[in-house]
Amino acid sequence: MPTPMPSEDDIRQKCEAFLQSLGVPAFLVFGWEKEEGEYGMVSSYHEMPANAVVKGMTWALTDIVNKTM
């Protein structure tokens, strides 16, 4: 029997626990394929100022766009 897909809340909680375990201010954006052609995405940050998260996400998005287009 296949393992059931975790919910977005479960994945977000695991991401938050991971960031806390690092012991440093950090953020991440995590994406995964739920089913064929359907994707989930969560973001999480730990002890990061909102402006730093926005700057980092903007950089990441720009990097992805520049590499794929």
N, C-alpha and C. Protein backbone atom coordinates (compact mmCIF):
# COMPACT_ATOMS: atom_id res chain seq x y z
N MET A 1 0.84 -1.17 0.00
CA MET A 1 0.00 0.00 0.00
C MET A 1 0.90 1.24 0.00
N PRO A 2 0.65 2.20 -0.92
CA PRO A 2 1.50 3.39 -0.97
C PRO A 2 1.31 4.28 0.26
N THR A 3 2.37 4.99 0.59
CA THR A 3 2.32 5.92 1.72
C THR A 3 1.43 7.10 1.35
N PRO A 4 0.50 7.50 2.23
CA PRO A 4 -0.35 8.63 1.89
C PRO A 4 0.46 9.93 1.83
N MET A 5 0.02 10.82 0.95
CA MET A 5 0.68 12.11 0.78
C MET A 5 0.42 12.97 2.02
N PRO A 6 1.49 13.55 2.62
CA PRO A 6 1.26 14.43 3.77
C PRO A 6 0.54 15.70 3.33
N SER A 7 -0.19 16.30 4.25
CA SER A 7 -0.91 17.54 3.94
C SER A 7 0.08 18.71 3.87
N GLU A 8 -0.36 19.82 3.29
CA GLU A 8 0.49 21.01 3.25
C GLU A 8 0.83 21.48 4.67
N ASP A 9 -0.12 21.37 5.59
CA ASP A 9 0.17 21.75 6.98
C ASP A 9 1.26 20.87 7.59
N ASP A 10 1.22 19.55 7.31
CA ASP A 10 2.25 18.65 7.81
C ASP A 10 3.62 19.03 7.26
N ILE A 11 3.67 19.32 5.98
CA ILE A 11 4.94 19.67 5.35
C ILE A 11 5.44 21.00 5.90
N ARG A 12 4.56 21.98 6.06
CA ARG A 12 4.96 23.28 6.62
C ARG A 12 5.53 23.09 8.03
N GLN A 13 4.88 22.27 8.85
CA GLN A 13 5.36 22.03 10.21
C GLN A 13 6.74 21.38 10.20
N LYS A 14 6.98 20.46 9.27
CA LYS A 14 8.29 19.82 9.18
C LYS A 14 9.35 20.82 8.72
N CYS A 15 8.97 21.70 7.79
CA CYS A 15 9.91 22.74 7.35
C CYS A 15 10.25 23.67 8.51
N GLU A 16 9.24 24.07 9.28
CA GLU A 16 9.48 24.94 10.42
C GLU A 16 10.36 24.26 11.47
N ALA A 17 10.11 22.99 11.73
CA ALA A 17 10.94 22.25 12.69
C ALA A 17 12.39 22.16 12.20
N PHE A 18 12.55 21.92 10.90
CA PHE A 18 13.90 21.87 10.32
C PHE A 18 14.63 23.19 10.51
N LEU A 19 13.95 24.29 10.19
CA LEU A 19 14.59 25.61 10.34
C LEU A 19 14.96 25.88 11.79
N GLN A 20 14.08 25.54 12.71
CA GLN A 20 14.38 25.74 14.13
C GLN A 20 15.57 24.90 14.56
N SER A 21 15.68 23.68 14.01
CA SER A 21 16.78 22.79 14.40
C SER A 21 18.14 23.31 13.94
N LEU A 22 18.16 24.17 12.92
CA LEU A 22 19.43 24.72 12.44
C LEU A 22 20.02 25.71 13.43
N GLY A 23 19.15 26.37 14.19
CA GLY A 23 19.63 27.30 15.20
C GLY A 23 20.15 28.62 14.65
N VAL A 24 19.80 28.93 13.41
CA VAL A 24 20.20 30.20 12.81
C VAL A 24 18.97 30.82 12.13
N PRO A 25 18.93 32.13 11.99
CA PRO A 25 17.84 32.74 11.24
C PRO A 25 17.89 32.21 9.80
N ALA A 26 16.73 31.78 9.31
CA ALA A 26 16.71 31.17 7.98
C ALA A 26 15.29 31.17 7.41
N PHE A 27 15.20 30.98 6.08
CA PHE A 27 13.91 30.79 5.45
C PHE A 27 14.07 29.79 4.33
N LEU A 28 12.96 29.22 3.91
CA LEU A 28 12.99 28.32 2.77
C LEU A 28 11.64 28.34 2.07
N VAL A 29 11.70 27.97 0.81
CA VAL A 29 10.51 27.73 0.00
C VAL A 29 10.65 26.29 -0.47
N PHE A 30 9.62 25.50 -0.25
CA PHE A 30 9.68 24.08 -0.57
C PHE A 30 8.52 23.73 -1.49
N GLY A 31 8.82 23.11 -2.60
CA GLY A 31 7.78 22.69 -3.54
C GLY A 31 7.91 21.21 -3.83
N TRP A 32 6.79 20.56 -4.12
CA TRP A 32 6.79 19.14 -4.41
C TRP A 32 5.63 18.81 -5.35
N GLU A 33 5.75 17.67 -6.02
CA GLU A 33 4.68 17.22 -6.89
C GLU A 33 3.72 16.37 -6.08
N LYS A 34 2.47 16.80 -6.02
CA LYS A 34 1.44 16.05 -5.29
C LYS A 34 0.98 14.86 -6.12
N GLU A 35 0.53 15.17 -7.29
CA GLU A 35 0.12 14.18 -8.28
C GLU A 35 0.65 14.67 -9.61
N GLU A 36 0.53 13.88 -10.62
CA GLU A 36 1.04 14.29 -11.91
C GLU A 36 0.40 15.62 -12.33
N GLY A 37 1.24 16.61 -12.53
CA GLY A 37 0.77 17.92 -12.95
C GLY A 37 0.18 18.79 -11.86
N GLU A 38 0.19 18.33 -10.62
CA GLU A 38 -0.33 19.11 -9.49
C GLU A 38 0.79 19.29 -8.47
N TYR A 39 1.01 20.52 -8.07
CA TYR A 39 2.15 20.83 -7.21
C TYR A 39 1.71 21.55 -5.95
N GLY A 40 2.45 21.34 -4.90
CA GLY A 40 2.24 22.04 -3.65
C GLY A 40 3.46 22.89 -3.36
N MET A 41 3.27 23.93 -2.58
CA MET A 41 4.38 24.79 -2.22
C MET A 41 4.10 25.42 -0.86
N VAL A 42 5.10 25.45 -0.02
CA VAL A 42 5.02 26.12 1.26
C VAL A 42 6.27 26.97 1.44
N SER A 43 6.14 28.00 2.25
CA SER A 43 7.30 28.78 2.63
C SER A 43 7.29 28.89 4.15
N SER A 44 8.45 29.04 4.71
CA SER A 44 8.57 29.13 6.15
C SER A 44 9.81 29.96 6.48
N TYR A 45 9.73 30.69 7.57
CA TYR A 45 10.92 31.41 8.01
C TYR A 45 11.00 31.37 9.52
N HIS A 46 12.24 31.44 10.00
CA HIS A 46 12.51 31.35 11.43
C HIS A 46 13.46 32.48 11.81
N GLU A 47 12.96 33.40 12.64
CA GLU A 47 13.77 34.51 13.15
C GLU A 47 14.40 35.35 12.03
N MET A 48 13.70 35.49 10.92
CA MET A 48 14.18 36.33 9.81
C MET A 48 13.27 37.54 9.70
N PRO A 49 13.83 38.72 9.52
CA PRO A 49 12.98 39.88 9.29
C PRO A 49 12.26 39.72 7.94
N ALA A 50 11.03 40.19 7.89
CA ALA A 50 10.22 40.03 6.67
C ALA A 50 10.91 40.62 5.45
N ASN A 51 11.59 41.76 5.60
CA ASN A 51 12.24 42.36 4.43
C ASN A 51 13.37 41.48 3.90
N ALA A 52 14.06 40.75 4.77
CA ALA A 52 15.12 39.84 4.32
C ALA A 52 14.52 38.64 3.60
N VAL A 53 13.37 38.14 4.07
CA VAL A 53 12.70 37.03 3.40
C VAL A 53 12.24 37.45 2.01
N VAL A 54 11.64 38.63 1.91
CA VAL A 54 11.18 39.12 0.61
C VAL A 54 12.37 39.29 -0.34
N LYS A 55 13.46 39.84 0.14
CA LYS A 55 14.65 40.01 -0.70
C LYS A 55 15.16 38.65 -1.18
N GLY A 56 15.22 37.68 -0.29
CA GLY A 56 15.69 36.35 -0.66
C GLY A 56 14.77 35.66 -1.64
N MET A 57 13.45 35.77 -1.43
CA MET A 57 12.50 35.15 -2.35
C MET A 57 12.55 35.82 -3.71
N THR A 58 12.73 37.14 -3.72
CA THR A 58 12.86 37.86 -5.00
C THR A 58 14.09 37.39 -5.75
N TRP A 59 15.21 37.24 -5.04
CA TRP A 59 16.42 36.74 -5.67
C TRP A 59 16.20 35.34 -6.24
N ALA A 60 15.58 34.47 -5.44
CA ALA A 60 15.36 33.09 -5.89
C ALA A 60 14.46 33.06 -7.12
N LEU A 61 13.39 33.82 -7.12
CA LEU A 61 12.49 33.85 -8.27
C LEU A 61 13.21 34.37 -9.51
N THR A 62 13.98 35.43 -9.35
CA THR A 62 14.75 35.98 -10.48
C THR A 62 15.73 34.95 -11.01
N ASP A 63 16.39 34.23 -10.13
CA ASP A 63 17.35 33.21 -10.53
C ASP A 63 16.65 32.09 -11.32
N ILE A 64 15.51 31.64 -10.82
CA ILE A 64 14.76 30.58 -11.51
C ILE A 64 14.32 31.04 -12.89
N VAL A 65 13.75 32.24 -12.98
CA VAL A 65 13.29 32.76 -14.27
C VAL A 65 14.46 32.89 -15.24
N ASN A 66 15.58 33.42 -14.79
CA ASN A 66 16.74 33.60 -15.67
C ASN A 66 17.31 32.27 -16.16
N LYS A 67 17.21 31.23 -15.37
CA LYS A 67 17.75 29.93 -15.76
C LYS A 67 16.82 29.14 -16.67
N THR A 68 15.53 29.45 -16.61
CA THR A 68 14.57 28.63 -17.38
C THR A 68 14.03 29.33 -18.61
N MET A 69 14.29 30.61 -18.77
CA MET A 69 13.71 31.32 -19.92
C MET A 69 14.78 31.77 -20.86
